[in-house]
Full PDB file with SEQRES, HELIX, SHEET, SSBOND, CRYST1, ORIGX, SCALE, CONECT and MASTER records, all heavy atoms in Angstrom:
SEQRES   1 A   37  ILE VAL ILE GLY ASP ALA PRO ARG LEU ARG GLN ILE LEU          
SEQRES   2 A   37  ALA GLY LEU ILE ASP ASN ALA ILE LYS PHE THR GLY ASP          
SEQRES   3 A   37  GLY PHE ILE ASN ILE GLN ALA GLY CYS PHE GLY                  
HELIX    1 AA1 ALA A    6  LYS A   22  1                                  17    
CRYST1    1.000    1.000    1.000  90.00  90.00  90.00 P 1           1          
ORIGX1      1.000000  0.000000  0.000000        0.00000                         
ORIGX2      0.000000  1.000000  0.000000        0.00000                         
ORIGX3      0.000000  0.000000  1.000000        0.00000                         
SCALE1      1.000000  0.000000  0.000000        0.00000                         
SCALE2      0.000000  1.000000  0.000000        0.00000                         
SCALE3      0.000000  0.000000  1.000000        0.00000                         
ATOM      1  N   ILE A   1     122.890 181.236   5.490  1.00  0.00           N  
ATOM      2  CA  ILE A   1     122.336 180.630   6.699  1.00  0.00           C  
ATOM      3  C   ILE A   1     123.458 179.969   7.466  1.00  0.00           C  
ATOM      4  O   ILE A   1     124.145 179.069   6.945  1.00  0.00           O  
ATOM      5  CB  ILE A   1     121.236 179.602   6.360  1.00  0.00           C  
ATOM      6  CG1 ILE A   1     120.161 180.233   5.506  1.00  0.00           C  
ATOM      7  CG2 ILE A   1     120.657 179.033   7.642  1.00  0.00           C  
ATOM      8  CD1 ILE A   1     119.433 181.385   6.179  1.00  0.00           C  
ATOM      9  N   VAL A   2     123.685 180.414   8.708  1.00  0.00           N  
ATOM     10  CA  VAL A   2     124.783 179.885   9.513  1.00  0.00           C  
ATOM     11  C   VAL A   2     124.209 179.263  10.793  1.00  0.00           C  
ATOM     12  O   VAL A   2     123.029 179.453  11.126  1.00  0.00           O  
ATOM     13  CB  VAL A   2     125.799 180.986   9.869  1.00  0.00           C  
ATOM     14  CG1 VAL A   2     126.437 181.550   8.600  1.00  0.00           C  
ATOM     15  CG2 VAL A   2     125.150 182.084  10.677  1.00  0.00           C  
ATOM     16  N   ILE A   3     125.098 178.542  11.503  1.00  0.00           N  
ATOM     17  CA  ILE A   3     124.721 177.918  12.775  1.00  0.00           C  
ATOM     18  C   ILE A   3     125.478 178.654  13.888  1.00  0.00           C  
ATOM     19  O   ILE A   3     126.709 178.738  13.858  1.00  0.00           O  
ATOM     20  CB  ILE A   3     125.067 176.427  12.776  1.00  0.00           C  
ATOM     21  CG1 ILE A   3     124.305 175.701  11.664  1.00  0.00           C  
ATOM     22  CG2 ILE A   3     124.755 175.804  14.133  1.00  0.00           C  
ATOM     23  CD1 ILE A   3     124.680 174.234  11.555  1.00  0.00           C  
ATOM     24  N   GLY A   4     124.752 179.157  14.855  1.00  0.00           N  
ATOM     25  CA  GLY A   4     125.379 179.862  15.958  1.00  0.00           C  
ATOM     26  C   GLY A   4     124.357 180.458  16.889  1.00  0.00           C  
ATOM     27  O   GLY A   4     123.170 180.109  16.853  1.00  0.00           O  
ATOM     28  N   ASP A   5     124.817 181.374  17.756  1.00  0.00           N  
ATOM     29  CA  ASP A   5     123.956 182.013  18.738  1.00  0.00           C  
ATOM     30  C   ASP A   5     123.557 183.391  18.220  1.00  0.00           C  
ATOM     31  O   ASP A   5     124.282 184.375  18.380  1.00  0.00           O  
ATOM     32  CB  ASP A   5     124.687 182.131  20.075  1.00  0.00           C  
ATOM     33  CG  ASP A   5     123.749 182.454  21.229  1.00  0.00           C  
ATOM     34  OD1 ASP A   5     122.731 183.118  20.985  1.00  0.00           O  
ATOM     35  OD2 ASP A   5     124.059 182.026  22.362  1.00  0.00           O  
ATOM     36  N   ALA A   6     122.381 183.464  17.603  1.00  0.00           N  
ATOM     37  CA  ALA A   6     121.920 184.710  16.997  1.00  0.00           C  
ATOM     38  C   ALA A   6     121.673 185.817  18.024  1.00  0.00           C  
ATOM     39  O   ALA A   6     122.102 186.959  17.833  1.00  0.00           O  
ATOM     40  CB  ALA A   6     120.663 184.443  16.167  1.00  0.00           C  
ATOM     41  N   PRO A   7     121.041 185.531  19.184  1.00  0.00           N  
ATOM     42  CA  PRO A   7     120.818 186.613  20.157  1.00  0.00           C  
ATOM     43  C   PRO A   7     122.127 187.228  20.674  1.00  0.00           C  
ATOM     44  O   PRO A   7     122.200 188.428  20.877  1.00  0.00           O  
ATOM     45  CB  PRO A   7     120.036 185.912  21.285  1.00  0.00           C  
ATOM     46  CG  PRO A   7     119.348 184.775  20.621  1.00  0.00           C  
ATOM     47  CD  PRO A   7     120.320 184.304  19.574  1.00  0.00           C  
ATOM     48  N   ARG A   8     123.144 186.387  20.867  1.00  0.00           N  
ATOM     49  CA  ARG A   8     124.428 186.933  21.355  1.00  0.00           C  
ATOM     50  C   ARG A   8     125.122 187.766  20.290  1.00  0.00           C  
ATOM     51  O   ARG A   8     125.760 188.768  20.586  1.00  0.00           O  
ATOM     52  CB  ARG A   8     125.344 185.791  21.819  1.00  0.00           C  
ATOM     53  CG  ARG A   8     124.798 185.013  23.001  1.00  0.00           C  
ATOM     54  CD  ARG A   8     124.531 185.911  24.181  1.00  0.00           C  
ATOM     55  NE  ARG A   8     123.921 185.161  25.302  1.00  0.00           N  
ATOM     56  CZ  ARG A   8     123.433 185.724  26.395  1.00  0.00           C  
ATOM     57  NH1 ARG A   8     123.474 187.059  26.517  1.00  0.00           N  
ATOM     58  NH2 ARG A   8     122.887 185.006  27.352  1.00  0.00           N  
ATOM     59  N   LEU A   9     125.008 187.366  19.019  1.00  0.00           N  
ATOM     60  CA  LEU A   9     125.579 188.187  17.948  1.00  0.00           C  
ATOM     61  C   LEU A   9     124.875 189.511  17.870  1.00  0.00           C  
ATOM     62  O   LEU A   9     125.499 190.579  17.707  1.00  0.00           O  
ATOM     63  CB  LEU A   9     125.503 187.433  16.621  1.00  0.00           C  
ATOM     64  CG  LEU A   9     125.960 188.224  15.394  1.00  0.00           C  
ATOM     65  CD1 LEU A   9     127.420 188.659  15.534  1.00  0.00           C  
ATOM     66  CD2 LEU A   9     125.779 187.399  14.113  1.00  0.00           C  
ATOM     67  N   ARG A  10     123.534 189.494  18.008  1.00  0.00           N  
ATOM     68  CA  ARG A  10     122.769 190.757  18.010  1.00  0.00           C  
ATOM     69  C   ARG A  10     123.188 191.611  19.202  1.00  0.00           C  
ATOM     70  O   ARG A  10     123.309 192.854  19.076  1.00  0.00           O  
ATOM     71  CB  ARG A  10     121.269 190.445  18.064  1.00  0.00           C  
ATOM     72  CG  ARG A  10     120.394 191.697  18.079  1.00  0.00           C  
ATOM     73  CD  ARG A  10     118.943 191.297  18.287  1.00  0.00           C  
ATOM     74  NE  ARG A  10     118.414 190.599  17.146  1.00  0.00           N  
ATOM     75  CZ  ARG A  10     117.859 191.202  16.075  1.00  0.00           C  
ATOM     76  NH1 ARG A  10     117.776 192.531  16.046  1.00  0.00           N  
ATOM     77  NH2 ARG A  10     117.396 190.519  15.082  1.00  0.00           N  
ATOM     78  N   GLN A  11     123.424 190.983  20.356  1.00  0.00           N  
ATOM     79  CA  GLN A  11     123.826 191.721  21.545  1.00  0.00           C  
ATOM     80  C   GLN A  11     125.193 192.379  21.338  1.00  0.00           C  
ATOM     81  O   GLN A  11     125.420 193.515  21.776  1.00  0.00           O  
ATOM     82  CB  GLN A  11     123.877 190.778  22.745  1.00  0.00           C  
ATOM     83  CG  GLN A  11     124.116 191.444  24.081  1.00  0.00           C  
ATOM     84  CD  GLN A  11     124.047 190.451  25.230  1.00  0.00           C  
ATOM     85  OE1 GLN A  11     123.803 189.268  25.034  1.00  0.00           O  
ATOM     86  NE2 GLN A  11     124.247 190.937  26.446  1.00  0.00           N  
ATOM     87  N   ILE A  12     126.121 191.695  20.664  1.00  0.00           N  
ATOM     88  CA  ILE A  12     127.451 192.270  20.386  1.00  0.00           C  
ATOM     89  C   ILE A  12     127.318 193.481  19.480  1.00  0.00           C  
ATOM     90  O   ILE A  12     127.857 194.556  19.742  1.00  0.00           O  
ATOM     91  CB  ILE A  12     128.350 191.194  19.760  1.00  0.00           C  
ATOM     92  CG1 ILE A  12     128.672 190.105  20.781  1.00  0.00           C  
ATOM     93  CG2 ILE A  12     129.649 191.817  19.221  1.00  0.00           C  
ATOM     94  CD1 ILE A  12     129.382 188.911  20.179  1.00  0.00           C  
ATOM     95  N   LEU A  13     126.597 193.298  18.375  1.00  0.00           N  
ATOM     96  CA  LEU A  13     126.460 194.388  17.393  1.00  0.00           C  
ATOM     97  C   LEU A  13     125.711 195.551  18.007  1.00  0.00           C  
ATOM     98  O   LEU A  13     126.057 196.713  17.808  1.00  0.00           O  
ATOM     99  CB  LEU A  13     125.766 193.854  16.140  1.00  0.00           C  
ATOM    100  CG  LEU A  13     125.668 194.830  14.965  1.00  0.00           C  
ATOM    101  CD1 LEU A  13     127.056 195.282  14.519  1.00  0.00           C  
ATOM    102  CD2 LEU A  13     124.940 194.174  13.794  1.00  0.00           C  
ATOM    103  N   ALA A  14     124.637 195.250  18.778  1.00  0.00           N  
ATOM    104  CA  ALA A  14     123.855 196.315  19.394  1.00  0.00           C  
ATOM    105  C   ALA A  14     124.704 197.086  20.413  1.00  0.00           C  
ATOM    106  O   ALA A  14     124.587 198.330  20.511  1.00  0.00           O  
ATOM    107  CB  ALA A  14     122.625 195.737  20.078  1.00  0.00           C  
ATOM    108  N   GLY A  15     125.560 196.395  21.163  1.00  0.00           N  
ATOM    109  CA  GLY A  15     126.401 197.074  22.123  1.00  0.00           C  
ATOM    110  C   GLY A  15     127.360 198.044  21.468  1.00  0.00           C  
ATOM    111  O   GLY A  15     127.586 199.156  21.960  1.00  0.00           O  
ATOM    112  N   LEU A  16     127.935 197.642  20.328  1.00  0.00           N  
ATOM    113  CA  LEU A  16     128.865 198.527  19.621  1.00  0.00           C  
ATOM    114  C   LEU A  16     128.143 199.721  18.992  1.00  0.00           C  
ATOM    115  O   LEU A  16     128.650 200.861  18.999  1.00  0.00           O  
ATOM    116  CB  LEU A  16     129.625 197.731  18.556  1.00  0.00           C  
ATOM    117  CG  LEU A  16     130.582 196.640  19.068  1.00  0.00           C  
ATOM    118  CD1 LEU A  16     131.240 195.914  17.917  1.00  0.00           C  
ATOM    119  CD2 LEU A  16     131.651 197.262  19.972  1.00  0.00           C  
ATOM    120  N   ILE A  17     126.952 199.464  18.399  1.00  0.00           N  
ATOM    121  CA  ILE A  17     126.205 200.572  17.792  1.00  0.00           C  
ATOM    122  C   ILE A  17     125.746 201.555  18.868  1.00  0.00           C  
ATOM    123  O   ILE A  17     125.835 202.789  18.717  1.00  0.00           O  
ATOM    124  CB  ILE A  17     125.004 200.030  16.997  1.00  0.00           C  
ATOM    125  CG1 ILE A  17     125.497 199.172  15.828  1.00  0.00           C  
ATOM    126  CG2 ILE A  17     124.154 201.174  16.466  1.00  0.00           C  
ATOM    127  CD1 ILE A  17     124.371 198.499  15.056  1.00  0.00           C  
ATOM    128  N   ASP A  18     125.235 201.029  19.983  1.00  0.00           N  
ATOM    129  CA  ASP A  18     124.788 201.879  21.073  1.00  0.00           C  
ATOM    130  C   ASP A  18     125.955 202.710  21.630  1.00  0.00           C  
ATOM    131  O   ASP A  18     125.796 203.893  21.933  1.00  0.00           O  
ATOM    132  CB  ASP A  18     124.180 201.007  22.174  1.00  0.00           C  
ATOM    133  CG  ASP A  18     123.677 201.842  23.329  1.00  0.00           C  
ATOM    134  OD1 ASP A  18     122.639 202.517  23.179  1.00  0.00           O  
ATOM    135  OD2 ASP A  18     124.326 201.818  24.413  1.00  0.00           O  
ATOM    136  N   ASN A  19     127.122 202.105  21.750  1.00  0.00           N  
ATOM    137  CA  ASN A  19     128.293 202.837  22.228  1.00  0.00           C  
ATOM    138  C   ASN A  19     128.690 203.938  21.248  1.00  0.00           C  
ATOM    139  O   ASN A  19     129.058 205.051  21.652  1.00  0.00           O  
ATOM    140  CB  ASN A  19     129.461 201.845  22.413  1.00  0.00           C  
ATOM    141  CG  ASN A  19     130.700 202.544  22.971  1.00  0.00           C  
ATOM    142  OD1 ASN A  19     130.809 202.837  24.125  1.00  0.00           O  
ATOM    143  ND2 ASN A  19     131.674 202.748  22.061  1.00  0.00           N  
ATOM    144  N   ALA A  20     128.623 203.639  19.937  1.00  0.00           N  
ATOM    145  CA  ALA A  20     128.974 204.638  18.924  1.00  0.00           C  
ATOM    146  C   ALA A  20     127.993 205.805  18.931  1.00  0.00           C  
ATOM    147  O   ALA A  20     128.388 206.981  18.842  1.00  0.00           O  
ATOM    148  CB  ALA A  20     129.021 203.983  17.537  1.00  0.00           C  
ATOM    149  N   ILE A  21     126.678 205.510  19.068  1.00  0.00           N  
ATOM    150  CA  ILE A  21     125.692 206.587  19.109  1.00  0.00           C  
ATOM    151  C   ILE A  21     125.869 207.466  20.344  1.00  0.00           C  
ATOM    152  O   ILE A  21     125.787 208.686  20.295  1.00  0.00           O  
ATOM    153  CB  ILE A  21     124.263 205.974  19.079  1.00  0.00           C  
ATOM    154  CG1 ILE A  21     123.992 205.327  17.718  1.00  0.00           C  
ATOM    155  CG2 ILE A  21     123.209 207.051  19.346  1.00  0.00           C  
ATOM    156  CD1 ILE A  21     122.678 204.593  17.643  1.00  0.00           C  
ATOM    157  N   LYS A  22     126.199 206.813  21.479  1.00  0.00           N  
ATOM    158  CA  LYS A  22     126.339 207.529  22.747  1.00  0.00           C  
ATOM    159  C   LYS A  22     127.495 208.506  22.728  1.00  0.00           C  
ATOM    160  O   LYS A  22     127.438 209.593  23.292  1.00  0.00           O  
ATOM    161  CB  LYS A  22     126.501 206.515  23.856  1.00  0.00           C  
ATOM    162  CG  LYS A  22     126.506 207.120  25.262  1.00  0.00           C  
ATOM    163  CD  LYS A  22     126.708 206.038  26.305  1.00  0.00           C  
ATOM    164  CE  LYS A  22     125.603 205.005  26.230  1.00  0.00           C  
ATOM    165  NZ  LYS A  22     125.746 203.966  27.269  1.00  0.00           N  
ATOM    166  N   PHE A  23     128.597 208.141  22.036  1.00  0.00           N  
ATOM    167  CA  PHE A  23     129.823 208.955  22.080  1.00  0.00           C  
ATOM    168  C   PHE A  23     130.066 209.715  20.793  1.00  0.00           C  
ATOM    169  O   PHE A  23     131.178 210.146  20.545  1.00  0.00           O  
ATOM    170  CB  PHE A  23     131.024 208.063  22.405  1.00  0.00           C  
ATOM    171  CG  PHE A  23     131.044 207.539  23.792  1.00  0.00           C  
ATOM    172  CD1 PHE A  23     130.515 206.271  24.064  1.00  0.00           C  
ATOM    173  CD2 PHE A  23     131.512 208.295  24.837  1.00  0.00           C  
ATOM    174  CE1 PHE A  23     130.505 205.787  25.365  1.00  0.00           C  
ATOM    175  CE2 PHE A  23     131.508 207.810  26.130  1.00  0.00           C  
ATOM    176  CZ  PHE A  23     130.997 206.558  26.406  1.00  0.00           C  
ATOM    177  N   THR A  24     129.024 209.863  19.942  1.00  0.00           N  
ATOM    178  CA  THR A  24     129.170 210.635  18.725  1.00  0.00           C  
ATOM    179  C   THR A  24     128.185 211.793  18.740  1.00  0.00           C  
ATOM    180  O   THR A  24     126.953 211.574  18.756  1.00  0.00           O  
ATOM    181  CB  THR A  24     128.923 209.785  17.474  1.00  0.00           C  
ATOM    182  OG1 THR A  24     129.805 208.660  17.512  1.00  0.00           O  
ATOM    183  CG2 THR A  24     129.178 210.567  16.200  1.00  0.00           C  
ATOM    184  N   GLY A  25     128.693 213.022  18.791  1.00  0.00           N  
ATOM    185  CA  GLY A  25     127.817 214.190  18.855  1.00  0.00           C  
ATOM    186  C   GLY A  25     127.140 214.458  17.532  1.00  0.00           C  
ATOM    187  O   GLY A  25     125.921 214.689  17.467  1.00  0.00           O  
ATOM    188  N   ASP A  26     127.901 214.459  16.444  1.00  0.00           N  
ATOM    189  CA  ASP A  26     127.329 214.638  15.113  1.00  0.00           C  
ATOM    190  C   ASP A  26     128.243 213.941  14.119  1.00  0.00           C  
ATOM    191  O   ASP A  26     129.363 213.554  14.437  1.00  0.00           O  
ATOM    192  CB  ASP A  26     127.195 216.123  14.776  1.00  0.00           C  
ATOM    193  CG  ASP A  26     128.532 216.881  14.907  1.00  0.00           C  
ATOM    194  OD1 ASP A  26     129.567 216.190  15.152  1.00  0.00           O  
ATOM    195  OD2 ASP A  26     128.541 218.101  14.808  1.00  0.00           O  
ATOM    196  N   GLY A  27     127.710 213.763  12.928  1.00  0.00           N  
ATOM    197  CA  GLY A  27     128.511 213.100  11.908  1.00  0.00           C  
ATOM    198  C   GLY A  27     127.857 211.807  11.440  1.00  0.00           C  
ATOM    199  O   GLY A  27     126.686 211.794  11.070  1.00  0.00           O  
ATOM    200  N   PHE A  28     128.586 210.714  11.506  1.00  0.00           N  
ATOM    201  CA  PHE A  28     128.087 209.462  10.930  1.00  0.00           C  
ATOM    202  C   PHE A  28     128.509 208.274  11.772  1.00  0.00           C  
ATOM    203  O   PHE A  28     129.421 208.357  12.604  1.00  0.00           O  
ATOM    204  CB  PHE A  28     128.649 209.303   9.519  1.00  0.00           C  
ATOM    205  CG  PHE A  28     130.158 209.196   9.490  1.00  0.00           C  
ATOM    206  CD1 PHE A  28     130.795 207.965   9.621  1.00  0.00           C  
ATOM    207  CD2 PHE A  28     130.953 210.331   9.322  1.00  0.00           C  
ATOM    208  CE1 PHE A  28     132.169 207.868   9.604  1.00  0.00           C  
ATOM    209  CE2 PHE A  28     132.331 210.235   9.303  1.00  0.00           C  
ATOM    210  CZ  PHE A  28     132.950 208.993   9.447  1.00  0.00           C  
ATOM    211  N   ILE A  29     127.851 207.158  11.502  1.00  0.00           N  
ATOM    212  CA  ILE A  29     128.211 205.848  12.050  1.00  0.00           C  
ATOM    213  C   ILE A  29     128.101 204.868  10.889  1.00  0.00           C  
ATOM    214  O   ILE A  29     127.007 204.689  10.340  1.00  0.00           O  
ATOM    215  CB  ILE A  29     127.295 205.416  13.199  1.00  0.00           C  
ATOM    216  CG1 ILE A  29     127.438 206.376  14.381  1.00  0.00           C  
ATOM    217  CG2 ILE A  29     127.639 203.986  13.638  1.00  0.00           C  
ATOM    218  CD1 ILE A  29     126.466 206.089  15.507  1.00  0.00           C  
ATOM    219  N   ASN A  30     129.219 204.278  10.494  1.00  0.00           N  
ATOM    220  CA  ASN A  30     129.257 203.350   9.375  1.00  0.00           C  
ATOM    221  C   ASN A  30     129.457 201.931   9.894  1.00  0.00           C  
ATOM    222  O   ASN A  30     130.383 201.670  10.682  1.00  0.00           O  
ATOM    223  CB  ASN A  30     130.403 203.701   8.414  1.00  0.00           C  
ATOM    224  CG  ASN A  30     130.157 205.025   7.715  1.00  0.00           C  
ATOM    225  OD1 ASN A  30     129.001 205.424   7.507  1.00  0.00           O  
ATOM    226  ND2 ASN A  30     131.239 205.738   7.373  1.00  0.00           N  
ATOM    227  N   ILE A  31     128.621 201.034   9.435  1.00  0.00           N  
ATOM    228  CA  ILE A  31     128.733 199.624   9.778  1.00  0.00           C  
ATOM    229  C   ILE A  31     129.071 198.827   8.525  1.00  0.00           C  
ATOM    230  O   ILE A  31     128.352 198.939   7.512  1.00  0.00           O  
ATOM    231  CB  ILE A  31     127.417 199.093  10.394  1.00  0.00           C  
ATOM    232  CG1 ILE A  31     127.054 199.916  11.633  1.00  0.00           C  
ATOM    233  CG2 ILE A  31     127.549 197.616  10.752  1.00  0.00           C  
ATOM    234  CD1 ILE A  31     125.678 199.590  12.190  1.00  0.00           C  
ATOM    235  N   GLN A  32     130.156 198.102   8.563  1.00  0.00           N  
ATOM    236  CA  GLN A  32     130.603 197.290   7.425  1.00  0.00           C  
ATOM    237  C   GLN A  32     130.680 195.838   7.865  1.00  0.00           C  
ATOM    238  O   GLN A  32     131.312 195.521   8.874  1.00  0.00           O  
ATOM    239  CB  GLN A  32     131.972 197.767   6.909  1.00  0.00           C  
ATOM    240  CG  GLN A  32     131.942 199.185   6.333  1.00  0.00           C  
ATOM    241  CD  GLN A  32     133.315 199.630   5.876  1.00  0.00           C  
ATOM    242  OE1 GLN A  32     134.297 199.345   6.514  1.00  0.00           O  
ATOM    243  NE2 GLN A  32     133.355 200.354   4.765  1.00  0.00           N  
ATOM    244  N   ALA A  33     130.045 194.969   7.078  1.00  0.00           N  
ATOM    245  CA  ALA A  33     130.016 193.533   7.377  1.00  0.00           C  
ATOM    246  C   ALA A  33     130.595 192.754   6.218  1.00  0.00           C  
ATOM    247  O   ALA A  33     130.048 192.813   5.104  1.00  0.00           O  
ATOM    248  CB  ALA A  33     128.602 193.069   7.701  1.00  0.00           C  
ATOM    249  N   GLY A  34     131.705 192.067   6.450  1.00  0.00           N  
ATOM    250  CA  GLY A  34     132.353 191.281   5.399  1.00  0.00           C  
ATOM    251  C   GLY A  34     132.272 189.805   5.684  1.00  0.00           C  
ATOM    252  O   GLY A  34     132.208 189.368   6.842  1.00  0.00           O  
ATOM    253  N   CYS A  35     132.270 189.006   4.644  1.00  0.00           N  
ATOM    254  CA  CYS A  35     132.210 187.563   4.764  1.00  0.00           C  
ATOM    255  C   CYS A  35     133.341 186.947   3.942  1.00  0.00           C  
ATOM    256  O   CYS A  35     133.537 187.294   2.772  1.00  0.00           O  
ATOM    257  CB  CYS A  35     130.856 187.046   4.284  1.00  0.00           C  
ATOM    258  SG  CYS A  35     130.670 185.259   4.412  1.00  0.00           S  
ATOM    259  N   PHE A  36     134.082 186.031   4.566  1.00  0.00           N  
ATOM    260  CA  PHE A  36     135.201 185.380   3.888  1.00  0.00           C  
ATOM    261  C   PHE A  36     135.093 183.875   4.134  1.00  0.00           C  
ATOM    262  O   PHE A  36     134.859 183.418   5.256  1.00  0.00           O  
ATOM    263  CB  PHE A  36     136.537 185.918   4.429  1.00  0.00           C  
ATOM    264  CG  PHE A  36     136.699 187.387   4.255  1.00  0.00           C  
ATOM    265  CD1 PHE A  36     136.367 188.254   5.286  1.00  0.00           C  
ATOM    266  CD2 PHE A  36     137.136 187.912   3.049  1.00  0.00           C  
ATOM    267  CE1 PHE A  36     136.496 189.624   5.117  1.00  0.00           C  
ATOM    268  CE2 PHE A  36     137.276 189.298   2.880  1.00  0.00           C  
ATOM    269  CZ  PHE A  36     136.963 190.137   3.921  1.00  0.00           C  
ATOM    270  N   GLY A  37     135.267 183.119   3.059  1.00  0.00           N  
ATOM    271  CA  GLY A  37     135.128 181.683   3.159  1.00  0.00           C  
ATOM    272  C   GLY A  37     136.376 180.982   3.625  1.00  0.00           C  
ATOM    273  O   GLY A  37     137.502 181.388   3.330  1.00  0.00           O  
TER     274      GLY A  37                                                      
MASTER        0    0    0    1    0    0    0    6  273    1    0    3          
END                                                                             
């Protein structure tokens, strides 16, 4: 549980995924999320 702007983080991630889907004809889209203390 973190403190921040959740809608803006969703907007960032959605923009990158939407861009990847738009410019990928076939194959894959891999999303990796890492956390470091």
